[in-house]
């Protein structure tokens, strides 16, 4: 999973292709719980590029996107938001995969 380093990078990356942004933070226990399953999810859905967005580093972006709970996921397809799985609840592998499947429309 690629880590976002700047808002400029974020805005540039989402312009082309299929991306899933995972909003997270190092201190988030629910985020740590899903860490072991993320490589499997990335491999299963290799048509997407997965990115880690640190909530604390990108707090203004989180406010702009109404992301107040983590972990949360936002999908993009060629610059357009294709879906979101945003809540403060712990996510299961099944829920994350259902979200990704829903992006395929």
PDB file of N, CA and C in Angstrom:
ATOM      1  N   UNK A   1       0.857  -1.180   0.000  1.00  0.00           N
ATOM      2  CA  UNK A   1       0.000   0.000   0.000  1.00  0.00           C
ATOM      3  C   UNK A   1       0.893   1.230   0.000  1.00  0.00           C
ATOM      4  N   UNK A   2       0.599   2.135  -0.910  1.00  0.00           N
ATOM      5  CA  UNK A   2       1.413   3.337  -1.046  1.00  0.00           C
ATOM      6  C   UNK A   2       0.911   4.404  -0.087  1.00  0.00           C
ATOM      7  N   UNK A   3       1.851   5.084   0.558  1.00  0.00           N
ATOM      8  CA  UNK A   3       1.470   6.119   1.518  1.00  0.00           C
ATOM      9  C   UNK A   3       1.457   7.486   0.843  1.00  0.00           C
ATOM     10  N   UNK A   4       0.374   8.208   1.046  1.00  0.00           N
ATOM     11  CA  UNK A   4       0.263   9.566   0.519  1.00  0.00           C
ATOM     12  C   UNK A   4       1.185  10.493   1.303  1.00  0.00           C
ATOM     13  N   UNK A   5       1.924  11.314   0.572  1.00  0.00           N
ATOM     14  CA  UNK A   5       2.871  12.226   1.215  1.00  0.00           C
ATOM     15  C   UNK A   5       2.417  13.687   1.195  1.00  0.00           C
ATOM     16  N   UNK A   6       1.509  14.033   0.257  1.00  0.00           N
ATOM     17  CA  UNK A   6       1.064  15.428   0.161  1.00  0.00           C
ATOM     18  C   UNK A   6      -0.322  15.487  -0.474  1.00  0.00           C
ATOM     19  N   UNK A   7      -0.995  16.581  -0.262  1.00  0.00           N
ATOM     20  CA  UNK A   7      -2.315  16.785  -0.851  1.00  0.00           C
ATOM     21  C   UNK A   7      -2.193  16.878  -2.373  1.00  0.00           C
ATOM     22  N   UNK A   8      -1.073  17.438  -2.838  1.00  0.00           N
ATOM     23  CA  UNK A   8      -0.835  17.531  -4.276  1.00  0.00           C
ATOM     24  C   UNK A   8      -0.725  16.131  -4.881  1.00  0.00           C
ATOM     25  N   UNK A   9      -0.017  15.249  -4.180  1.00  0.00           N
ATOM     26  CA  UNK A   9       0.122  13.873  -4.637  1.00  0.00           C
ATOM     27  C   UNK A   9      -1.252  13.195  -4.673  1.00  0.00           C
ATOM     28  N   UNK A  10      -2.039  13.385  -3.641  1.00  0.00           N
ATOM     29  CA  UNK A  10      -3.383  12.810  -3.570  1.00  0.00           C
ATOM     30  C   UNK A  10      -4.207  13.238  -4.781  1.00  0.00           C
ATOM     31  N   UNK A  11      -4.242  14.542  -5.023  1.00  0.00           N
ATOM     32  CA  UNK A  11      -5.044  15.080  -6.125  1.00  0.00           C
ATOM     33  C   UNK A  11      -4.551  14.593  -7.481  1.00  0.00           C
ATOM     34  N   UNK A  12      -3.252  14.416  -7.625  1.00  0.00           N
ATOM     35  CA  UNK A  12      -2.677  13.941  -8.889  1.00  0.00           C
ATOM     36  C   UNK A  12      -2.982  12.459  -9.105  1.00  0.00           C
ATOM     37  N   UNK A  13      -2.826  11.661  -8.055  1.00  0.00           N
ATOM     38  CA  UNK A  13      -2.999  10.207  -8.146  1.00  0.00           C
ATOM     39  C   UNK A  13      -4.418   9.837  -8.558  1.00  0.00           C
ATOM     40  N   UNK A  14      -5.413  10.502  -7.987  1.00  0.00           N
ATOM     41  CA  UNK A  14      -6.802  10.088  -8.236  1.00  0.00           C
ATOM     42  C   UNK A  14      -7.290  10.436  -9.640  1.00  0.00           C
ATOM     43  N   UNK A  15      -6.538  11.239 -10.380  1.00  0.00           N
ATOM     44  CA  UNK A  15      -6.988  11.686 -11.707  1.00  0.00           C
ATOM     45  C   UNK A  15      -7.163  10.545 -12.703  1.00  0.00           C
ATOM     46  N   UNK A  16      -6.281   9.545 -12.637  1.00  0.00           N
ATOM     47  CA  UNK A  16      -6.304   8.470 -13.631  1.00  0.00           C
ATOM     48  C   UNK A  16      -6.260   7.117 -12.962  1.00  0.00           C
ATOM     49  N   UNK A  17      -7.083   6.205 -13.443  1.00  0.00           N
ATOM     50  CA  UNK A  17      -7.062   4.838 -12.939  1.00  0.00           C
ATOM     51  C   UNK A  17      -8.042   4.627 -11.799  1.00  0.00           C
ATOM     52  N   UNK A  18      -7.950   3.414 -11.233  1.00  0.00           N
ATOM     53  CA  UNK A  18      -8.834   3.020 -10.134  1.00  0.00           C
ATOM     54  C   UNK A  18      -8.028   2.969  -8.844  1.00  0.00           C
ATOM     55  N   UNK A  19      -8.502   3.695  -7.858  1.00  0.00           N
ATOM     56  CA  UNK A  19      -7.777   3.805  -6.594  1.00  0.00           C
ATOM     57  C   UNK A  19      -8.716   3.612  -5.420  1.00  0.00           C
ATOM     58  N   UNK A  20      -8.156   3.048  -4.360  1.00  0.00           N
ATOM     59  CA  UNK A  20      -8.868   2.976  -3.090  1.00  0.00           C
ATOM     60  C   UNK A  20      -7.981   3.621  -2.041  1.00  0.00           C
ATOM     61  N   UNK A  21      -8.525   4.657  -1.428  1.00  0.00           N
ATOM     62  CA  UNK A  21      -7.817   5.382  -0.382  1.00  0.00           C
ATOM     63  C   UNK A  21      -8.279   4.859   0.971  1.00  0.00           C
ATOM     64  N   UNK A  22      -7.327   4.416   1.777  1.00  0.00           N
ATOM     65  CA  UNK A  22      -7.657   3.981   3.130  1.00  0.00           C
ATOM     66  C   UNK A  22      -7.210   5.075   4.092  1.00  0.00           C
ATOM     67  N   UNK A  23      -8.174   5.681   4.732  1.00  0.00           N
ATOM     68  CA  UNK A  23      -7.897   6.706   5.729  1.00  0.00           C
ATOM     69  C   UNK A  23      -7.706   6.006   7.064  1.00  0.00           C
ATOM     70  N   UNK A  24      -6.569   6.272   7.699  1.00  0.00           N
ATOM     71  CA  UNK A  24      -6.176   5.525   8.882  1.00  0.00           C
ATOM     72  C   UNK A  24      -5.273   6.394   9.747  1.00  0.00           C
ATOM     73  N   UNK A  25      -4.778   5.825  10.836  1.00  0.00           N
ATOM     74  CA  UNK A  25      -3.809   6.502  11.697  1.00  0.00           C
ATOM     75  C   UNK A  25      -3.054   5.448  12.491  1.00  0.00           C
ATOM     76  N   UNK A  26      -1.818   5.745  12.822  1.00  0.00           N
ATOM     77  CA  UNK A  26      -0.978   4.793  13.551  1.00  0.00           C
ATOM     78  C   UNK A  26      -1.555   4.428  14.916  1.00  0.00           C
ATOM     79  N   UNK A  27      -2.274   5.353  15.534  1.00  0.00           N
ATOM     80  CA  UNK A  27      -2.782   5.144  16.896  1.00  0.00           C
ATOM     81  C   UNK A  27      -4.148   4.442  16.929  1.00  0.00           C
ATOM     82  N   UNK A  28      -4.714   4.143  15.769  1.00  0.00           N
ATOM     83  CA  UNK A  28      -6.086   3.621  15.673  1.00  0.00           C
ATOM     84  C   UNK A  28      -6.115   2.101  15.856  1.00  0.00           C
ATOM     85  N   UNK A  29      -6.687   1.588  16.960  1.00  0.00           N
ATOM     86  CA  UNK A  29      -6.700   0.138  17.185  1.00  0.00           C
ATOM     87  C   UNK A  29      -7.510  -0.632  16.138  1.00  0.00           C
ATOM     88  N   UNK A  30      -8.632  -0.082  15.677  1.00  0.00           N
ATOM     89  CA  UNK A  30      -9.431  -0.763  14.656  1.00  0.00           C
ATOM     90  C   UNK A  30      -8.689  -0.835  13.324  1.00  0.00           C
ATOM     91  N   UNK A  31      -7.828   0.143  13.070  1.00  0.00           N
ATOM     92  CA  UNK A  31      -7.004   0.130  11.853  1.00  0.00           C
ATOM     93  C   UNK A  31      -5.944  -0.964  11.941  1.00  0.00           C
ATOM     94  N   UNK A  32      -5.384  -1.151  13.116  1.00  0.00           N
ATOM     95  CA  UNK A  32      -4.356  -2.190  13.310  1.00  0.00           C
ATOM     96  C   UNK A  32      -4.954  -3.585  13.126  1.00  0.00           C
ATOM     97  N   UNK A  33      -6.209  -3.766  13.527  1.00  0.00           N
ATOM     98  CA  UNK A  33      -6.870  -5.071  13.432  1.00  0.00           C
ATOM     99  C   UNK A  33      -6.954  -5.540  11.977  1.00  0.00           C
ATOM    100  N   UNK A  34      -7.203  -4.620  11.037  1.00  0.00           N
ATOM    101  CA  UNK A  34      -7.360  -5.033   9.640  1.00  0.00           C
ATOM    102  C   UNK A  34      -6.035  -5.107   8.884  1.00  0.00           C
ATOM    103  N   UNK A  35      -4.956  -4.602   9.475  1.00  0.00           N
ATOM    104  CA  UNK A  35      -3.662  -4.598   8.787  1.00  0.00           C
ATOM    105  C   UNK A  35      -3.263  -5.966   8.218  1.00  0.00           C
ATOM    106  N   UNK A  36      -3.405  -7.064   8.986  1.00  0.00           N
ATOM    107  CA  UNK A  36      -2.966  -8.358   8.449  1.00  0.00           C
ATOM    108  C   UNK A  36      -3.741  -8.833   7.213  1.00  0.00           C
ATOM    109  N   UNK A  37      -4.967  -8.371   7.017  1.00  0.00           N
ATOM    110  CA  UNK A  37      -5.759  -8.829   5.871  1.00  0.00           C
ATOM    111  C   UNK A  37      -5.585  -7.939   4.641  1.00  0.00           C
ATOM    112  N   UNK A  38      -4.979  -6.771   4.802  1.00  0.00           N
ATOM    113  CA  UNK A  38      -4.882  -5.829   3.686  1.00  0.00           C
ATOM    114  C   UNK A  38      -4.079  -6.365   2.499  1.00  0.00           C
ATOM    115  N   UNK A  39      -2.939  -7.032   2.708  1.00  0.00           N
ATOM    116  CA  UNK A  39      -2.216  -7.559   1.537  1.00  0.00           C
ATOM    117  C   UNK A  39      -3.057  -8.538   0.709  1.00  0.00           C
ATOM    118  N   UNK A  40      -3.838  -9.365   1.375  1.00  0.00           N
ATOM    119  CA  UNK A  40      -4.707 -10.306   0.666  1.00  0.00           C
ATOM    120  C   UNK A  40      -5.767  -9.562  -0.142  1.00  0.00           C
ATOM    121  N   UNK A  41      -6.349  -8.524   0.446  1.00  0.00           N
ATOM    122  CA  UNK A  41      -7.364  -7.721  -0.252  1.00  0.00           C
ATOM    123  C   UNK A  41      -6.732  -7.014  -1.452  1.00  0.00           C
ATOM    124  N   UNK A  42      -5.537  -6.457  -1.258  1.00  0.00           N
ATOM    125  CA  UNK A  42      -4.839  -5.782  -2.363  1.00  0.00           C
ATOM    126  C   UNK A  42      -4.571  -6.752  -3.512  1.00  0.00           C
ATOM    127  N   UNK A  43      -4.176  -7.962  -3.185  1.00  0.00           N
ATOM    128  CA  UNK A  43      -3.881  -8.969  -4.208  1.00  0.00           C
ATOM    129  C   UNK A  43      -5.163  -9.393  -4.929  1.00  0.00           C
ATOM    130  N   UNK A  44      -6.230  -9.572  -4.178  1.00  0.00           N
ATOM    131  CA  UNK A  44      -7.512 -10.021  -4.748  1.00  0.00           C
ATOM    132  C   UNK A  44      -8.102  -8.968  -5.687  1.00  0.00           C
ATOM    133  N   UNK A  45      -7.894  -7.708  -5.364  1.00  0.00           N
ATOM    134  CA  UNK A  45      -8.456  -6.613  -6.154  1.00  0.00           C
ATOM    135  C   UNK A  45      -7.328  -5.799  -6.781  1.00  0.00           C
ATOM    136  N   UNK A  46      -6.497  -6.489  -7.561  1.00  0.00           N
ATOM    137  CA  UNK A  46      -5.286  -5.864  -8.105  1.00  0.00           C
ATOM    138  C   UNK A  46      -5.579  -4.838  -9.196  1.00  0.00           C
ATOM    139  N   UNK A  47      -6.846  -4.745  -9.645  1.00  0.00           N
ATOM    140  CA  UNK A  47      -7.176  -3.700 -10.622  1.00  0.00           C
ATOM    141  C   UNK A  47      -7.194  -2.317  -9.970  1.00  0.00           C
ATOM    142  N   UNK A  48      -7.153  -2.289  -8.633  1.00  0.00           N
ATOM    143  CA  UNK A  48      -7.108  -1.029  -7.887  1.00  0.00           C
ATOM    144  C   UNK A  48      -5.706  -0.807  -7.320  1.00  0.00           C
ATOM    145  N   UNK A  49      -5.340   0.450  -7.214  1.00  0.00           N
ATOM    146  CA  UNK A  49      -4.127   0.810  -6.485  1.00  0.00           C
ATOM    147  C   UNK A  49      -4.577   1.295  -5.117  1.00  0.00           C
ATOM    148  N   UNK A  50      -4.012   0.719  -4.080  1.00  0.00           N
ATOM    149  CA  UNK A  50      -4.399   1.054  -2.713  1.00  0.00           C
ATOM    150  C   UNK A  50      -3.414   2.063  -2.130  1.00  0.00           C
ATOM    151  N   UNK A  51      -3.964   3.043  -1.418  1.00  0.00           N
ATOM    152  CA  UNK A  51      -3.145   4.108  -0.829  1.00  0.00           C
ATOM    153  C   UNK A  51      -3.529   4.300   0.639  1.00  0.00           C
ATOM    154  N   UNK A  52      -2.519   4.527   1.446  1.00  0.00           N
ATOM    155  CA  UNK A  52      -2.704   4.821   2.864  1.00  0.00           C
ATOM    156  C   UNK A  52      -2.704   6.335   3.026  1.00  0.00           C
ATOM    157  N   UNK A  53      -3.756   6.860   3.633  1.00  0.00           N
ATOM    158  CA  UNK A  53      -3.852   8.301   3.887  1.00  0.00           C
ATOM    159  C   UNK A  53      -3.929   8.489   5.397  1.00  0.00           C
ATOM    160  N   UNK A  54      -2.896   9.089   5.962  1.00  0.00           N
ATOM    161  CA  UNK A  54      -2.837   9.314   7.406  1.00  0.00           C
ATOM    162  C   UNK A  54      -3.814  10.419   7.796  1.00  0.00           C
ATOM    163  N   UNK A  55      -4.794  10.060   8.593  1.00  0.00           N
ATOM    164  CA  UNK A  55      -5.837  11.009   8.983  1.00  0.00           C
ATOM    165  C   UNK A  55      -5.260  12.257   9.646  1.00  0.00           C
ATOM    166  N   UNK A  56      -4.251  12.076  10.485  1.00  0.00           N
ATOM    167  CA  UNK A  56      -3.681  13.215  11.207  1.00  0.00           C
ATOM    168  C   UNK A  56      -2.900  14.142  10.269  1.00  0.00           C
ATOM    169  N   UNK A  57      -2.224  13.556   9.296  1.00  0.00           N
ATOM    170  CA  UNK A  57      -1.446  14.347   8.342  1.00  0.00           C
ATOM    171  C   UNK A  57      -2.356  15.077   7.350  1.00  0.00           C
ATOM    172  N   UNK A  58      -3.535  14.494   7.075  1.00  0.00           N
ATOM    173  CA  UNK A  58      -4.451  15.040   6.071  1.00  0.00           C
ATOM    174  C   UNK A  58      -5.790  15.421   6.695  1.00  0.00           C
ATOM    175  N   UNK A  59      -5.757  16.030   7.866  1.00  0.00           N
ATOM    176  CA  UNK A  59      -6.990  16.348   8.594  1.00  0.00           C
ATOM    177  C   UNK A  59      -7.891  17.287   7.787  1.00  0.00           C
ATOM    178  N   UNK A  60      -7.315  18.238   7.065  1.00  0.00           N
ATOM    179  CA  UNK A  60      -8.129  19.160   6.255  1.00  0.00           C
ATOM    180  C   UNK A  60      -8.850  18.413   5.136  1.00  0.00           C
ATOM    181  N   UNK A  61      -8.170  17.458   4.522  1.00  0.00           N
ATOM    182  CA  UNK A  61      -8.794  16.643   3.479  1.00  0.00           C
ATOM    183  C   UNK A  61      -9.919  15.797   4.073  1.00  0.00           C
ATOM    184  N   UNK A  62      -9.690  15.249   5.248  1.00  0.00           N
ATOM    185  CA  UNK A  62     -10.724  14.447   5.911  1.00  0.00           C
ATOM    186  C   UNK A  62     -11.964  15.287   6.212  1.00  0.00           C
ATOM    187  N   UNK A  63     -11.756  16.509   6.648  1.00  0.00           N
ATOM    188  CA  UNK A  63     -12.881  17.410   6.910  1.00  0.00           C
ATOM    189  C   UNK A  63     -13.618  17.693   5.600  1.00  0.00           C
ATOM    190  N   UNK A  64     -12.857  17.990   4.553  1.00  0.00           N
ATOM    191  CA  UNK A  64     -13.440  18.287   3.239  1.00  0.00           C
ATOM    192  C   UNK A  64     -14.261  17.103   2.709  1.00  0.00           C
ATOM    193  N   UNK A  65     -13.782  15.877   2.959  1.00  0.00           N
ATOM    194  CA  UNK A  65     -14.449  14.675   2.457  1.00  0.00           C
ATOM    195  C   UNK A  65     -15.437  14.070   3.467  1.00  0.00           C
ATOM    196  N   UNK A  66     -15.626  14.743   4.604  1.00  0.00           N
ATOM    197  CA  UNK A  66     -16.519  14.254   5.660  1.00  0.00           C
ATOM    198  C   UNK A  66     -16.122  12.872   6.160  1.00  0.00           C
ATOM    199  N   UNK A  67     -14.840  12.689   6.388  1.00  0.00           N
ATOM    200  CA  UNK A  67     -14.336  11.433   6.936  1.00  0.00           C
ATOM    201  C   UNK A  67     -13.966  11.689   8.387  1.00  0.00           C
ATOM    202  N   UNK A  68     -14.865  11.269   9.266  1.00  0.00           N
ATOM    203  CA  UNK A  68     -14.651  11.528  10.683  1.00  0.00           C
ATOM    204  C   UNK A  68     -14.370  10.257  11.473  1.00  0.00           C
ATOM    205  N   UNK A  69     -14.555   9.109  10.855  1.00  0.00           N
ATOM    206  CA  UNK A  69     -14.242   7.850  11.510  1.00  0.00           C
ATOM    207  C   UNK A  69     -13.198   7.091  10.716  1.00  0.00           C
ATOM    208  N   UNK A  70     -12.361   6.350  11.400  1.00  0.00           N
ATOM    209  CA  UNK A  70     -11.367   5.534  10.713  1.00  0.00           C
ATOM    210  C   UNK A  70     -11.353   4.146  11.320  1.00  0.00           C
ATOM    211  N   UNK A  71     -10.971   3.126  10.575  1.00  0.00           N
ATOM    212  CA  UNK A  71     -10.550   3.201   9.172  1.00  0.00           C
ATOM    213  C   UNK A  71     -11.738   3.459   8.249  1.00  0.00           C
ATOM    214  N   UNK A  72     -11.478   4.210   7.194  1.00  0.00           N
ATOM    215  CA  UNK A  72     -12.488   4.476   6.182  1.00  0.00           C
ATOM    216  C   UNK A  72     -11.857   4.355   4.808  1.00  0.00           C
ATOM    217  N   UNK A  73     -12.689   4.048   3.829  1.00  0.00           N
ATOM    218  CA  UNK A  73     -12.214   3.814   2.472  1.00  0.00           C
ATOM    219  C   UNK A  73     -13.013   4.667   1.492  1.00  0.00           C
ATOM    220  N   UNK A  74     -12.294   5.246   0.508  1.00  0.00           N
ATOM    221  CA  UNK A  74     -12.940   5.995  -0.562  1.00  0.00           C
ATOM    222  C   UNK A  74     -12.366   5.491  -1.875  1.00  0.00           C
ATOM    223  N   UNK A  75     -13.258   5.133  -2.805  1.00  0.00           N
ATOM    224  CA  UNK A  75     -12.833   4.657  -4.110  1.00  0.00           C
ATOM    225  C   UNK A  75     -12.905   5.759  -5.145  1.00  0.00           C
ATOM    226  N   UNK A  76     -11.952   5.751  -6.080  1.00  0.00           N
ATOM    227  CA  UNK A  76     -11.933   6.708  -7.190  1.00  0.00           C
ATOM    228  C   UNK A  76     -11.743   5.959  -8.495  1.00  0.00           C
ATOM    229  N   UNK A  77     -12.393   6.467  -9.538  1.00  0.00           N
ATOM    230  CA  UNK A  77     -12.218   5.942 -10.880  1.00  0.00           C
ATOM    231  C   UNK A  77     -12.038   7.128 -11.812  1.00  0.00           C
ATOM    232  N   UNK A  78     -10.816   7.301 -12.316  1.00  0.00           N
ATOM    233  CA  UNK A  78     -10.478   8.411 -13.223  1.00  0.00           C
ATOM    234  C   UNK A  78     -10.951   9.769 -12.707  1.00  0.00           C
ATOM    235  N   UNK A  79     -10.620  10.047 -11.453  1.00  0.00           N
ATOM    236  CA  UNK A  79     -10.891  11.361 -10.871  1.00  0.00           C
ATOM    237  C   UNK A  79     -12.247  11.521 -10.222  1.00  0.00           C
ATOM    238  N   UNK A  80     -13.143  10.576 -10.441  1.00  0.00           N
ATOM    239  CA  UNK A  80     -14.479  10.650  -9.861  1.00  0.00           C
ATOM    240  C   UNK A  80     -14.580   9.698  -8.675  1.00  0.00           C
ATOM    241  N   UNK A  81     -15.199  10.166  -7.590  1.00  0.00           N
ATOM    242  CA  UNK A  81     -15.428   9.269  -6.455  1.00  0.00           C
ATOM    243  C   UNK A  81     -16.434   8.205  -6.882  1.00  0.00           C
ATOM    244  N   UNK A  82     -16.053   6.939  -6.708  1.00  0.00           N
ATOM    245  CA  UNK A  82     -16.915   5.841  -7.131  1.00  0.00           C
ATOM    246  C   UNK A  82     -17.646   5.183  -5.965  1.00  0.00           C
ATOM    247  N   UNK A  83     -17.252   5.525  -4.743  1.00  0.00           N
ATOM    248  CA  UNK A  83     -17.929   4.989  -3.579  1.00  0.00           C
ATOM    249  C   UNK A  83     -17.144   5.246  -2.315  1.00  0.00           C
ATOM    250  N   UNK A  84     -17.820   5.048  -1.173  1.00  0.00           N
ATOM    251  CA  UNK A  84     -17.152   5.264   0.113  1.00  0.00           C
ATOM    252  C   UNK A  84     -17.694   4.311   1.152  1.00  0.00           C
ATOM    253  N   UNK A  85     -16.794   3.929   2.036  1.00  0.00           N
ATOM    254  CA  UNK A  85     -17.129   3.070   3.179  1.00  0.00           C
ATOM    255  C   UNK A  85     -16.565   3.813   4.380  1.00  0.00           C
ATOM    256  N   UNK A  86     -17.365   4.742   4.874  1.00  0.00           N
ATOM    257  CA  UNK A  86     -16.905   5.667   5.905  1.00  0.00           C
ATOM    258  C   UNK A  86     -17.764   5.501   7.147  1.00  0.00           C
ATOM    259  N   UNK A  87     -17.116   5.124   8.236  1.00  0.00           N
ATOM    260  CA  UNK A  87     -17.787   5.042   9.531  1.00  0.00           C
ATOM    261  C   UNK A  87     -16.723   4.907  10.605  1.00  0.00           C
ATOM    262  N   UNK A  88     -17.152   5.008  11.833  1.00  0.00           N
ATOM    263  CA  UNK A  88     -16.211   4.872  12.943  1.00  0.00           C
ATOM    264  C   UNK A  88     -16.093   3.426  13.408  1.00  0.00           C
ATOM    265  N   UNK A  89     -16.856   2.531  12.784  1.00  0.00           N
ATOM    266  CA  UNK A  89     -16.906   1.141  13.228  1.00  0.00           C
ATOM    267  C   UNK A  89     -15.709   0.339  12.734  1.00  0.00           C
ATOM    268  N   UNK A  90     -15.406  -0.714  13.471  1.00  0.00           N
ATOM    269  CA  UNK A  90     -14.386  -1.669  13.039  1.00  0.00           C
ATOM    270  C   UNK A  90     -14.875  -2.340  11.762  1.00  0.00           C
ATOM    271  N   UNK A  91     -13.974  -2.549  10.803  1.00  0.00           N
ATOM    272  CA  UNK A  91     -14.336  -3.161   9.522  1.00  0.00           C
ATOM    273  C   UNK A  91     -13.852  -4.609   9.494  1.00  0.00           C
ATOM    274  N   UNK A  92     -14.659  -5.481   8.879  1.00  0.00           N
ATOM    275  CA  UNK A  92     -14.234  -6.860   8.681  1.00  0.00           C
ATOM    276  C   UNK A  92     -13.738  -7.013   7.243  1.00  0.00           C
ATOM    277  N   UNK A  93     -13.017  -8.098   6.992  1.00  0.00           N
ATOM    278  CA  UNK A  93     -12.561  -8.367   5.635  1.00  0.00           C
ATOM    279  C   UNK A  93     -13.750  -8.480   4.694  1.00  0.00           C
ATOM    280  N   UNK A  94     -14.791  -9.147   5.134  1.00  0.00           N
ATOM    281  CA  UNK A  94     -15.990  -9.320   4.308  1.00  0.00           C
ATOM    282  C   UNK A  94     -16.620  -7.970   3.963  1.00  0.00           C
ATOM    283  N   UNK A  95     -16.705  -7.073   4.929  1.00  0.00           N
ATOM    284  CA  UNK A  95     -17.293  -5.748   4.677  1.00  0.00           C
ATOM    285  C   UNK A  95     -16.450  -4.946   3.690  1.00  0.00           C
ATOM    286  N   UNK A  96     -15.135  -5.011   3.855  1.00  0.00           N
ATOM    287  CA  UNK A  96     -14.238  -4.279   2.949  1.00  0.00           C
ATOM    288  C   UNK A  96     -14.377  -4.830   1.530  1.00  0.00           C
ATOM    289  N   UNK A  97     -14.421  -6.146   1.400  1.00  0.00           N
ATOM    290  CA  UNK A  97     -14.550  -6.751   0.080  1.00  0.00           C
ATOM    291  C   UNK A  97     -15.912  -6.445  -0.539  1.00  0.00           C
ATOM    292  N   UNK A  98     -16.977  -6.414   0.271  1.00  0.00           N
ATOM    293  CA  UNK A  98     -18.300  -6.035  -0.240  1.00  0.00           C
ATOM    294  C   UNK A  98     -18.278  -4.601  -0.766  1.00  0.00           C
ATOM    295  N   UNK A  99     -17.582  -3.718  -0.050  1.00  0.00           N
ATOM    296  CA  UNK A  99     -17.456  -2.327  -0.502  1.00  0.00           C
ATOM    297  C   UNK A  99     -16.751  -2.278  -1.852  1.00  0.00           C
ATOM    298  N   UNK A 100     -15.636  -2.986  -1.990  1.00  0.00           N
ATOM    299  CA  UNK A 100     -14.879  -2.973  -3.241  1.00  0.00           C
ATOM    300  C   UNK A 100     -15.723  -3.549  -4.383  1.00  0.00           C
ATOM    301  N   UNK A 101     -16.449  -4.622  -4.112  1.00  0.00           N
ATOM    302  CA  UNK A 101     -17.338  -5.200  -5.125  1.00  0.00           C
ATOM    303  C   UNK A 101     -18.391  -4.192  -5.559  1.00  0.00           C
ATOM    304  N   UNK A 102     -18.864  -3.370  -4.624  1.00  0.00           N
ATOM    305  CA  UNK A 102     -19.905  -2.378  -4.956  1.00  0.00           C
ATOM    306  C   UNK A 102     -19.376  -1.291  -5.887  1.00  0.00           C
ATOM    307  N   UNK A 103     -18.060  -1.097  -5.928  1.00  0.00           N
ATOM    308  CA  UNK A 103     -17.469  -0.082  -6.797  1.00  0.00           C
ATOM    309  C   UNK A 103     -17.543  -0.492  -8.265  1.00  0.00           C
ATOM    310  N   UNK A 104     -17.649  -1.783  -8.496  1.00  0.00           N
ATOM    311  CA  UNK A 104     -17.646  -2.284  -9.863  1.00  0.00           C
ATOM    312  C   UNK A 104     -18.953  -1.975 -10.596  1.00  0.00           C
ATOM    313  N   UNK A 105     -19.998  -1.683  -9.807  1.00  0.00           N
ATOM    314  CA  UNK A 105     -21.282  -1.263 -10.338  1.00  0.00           C
ATOM    315  C   UNK A 105     -21.823  -2.159 -11.366  1.00  0.00           C
TER     316      UNK A 105
END
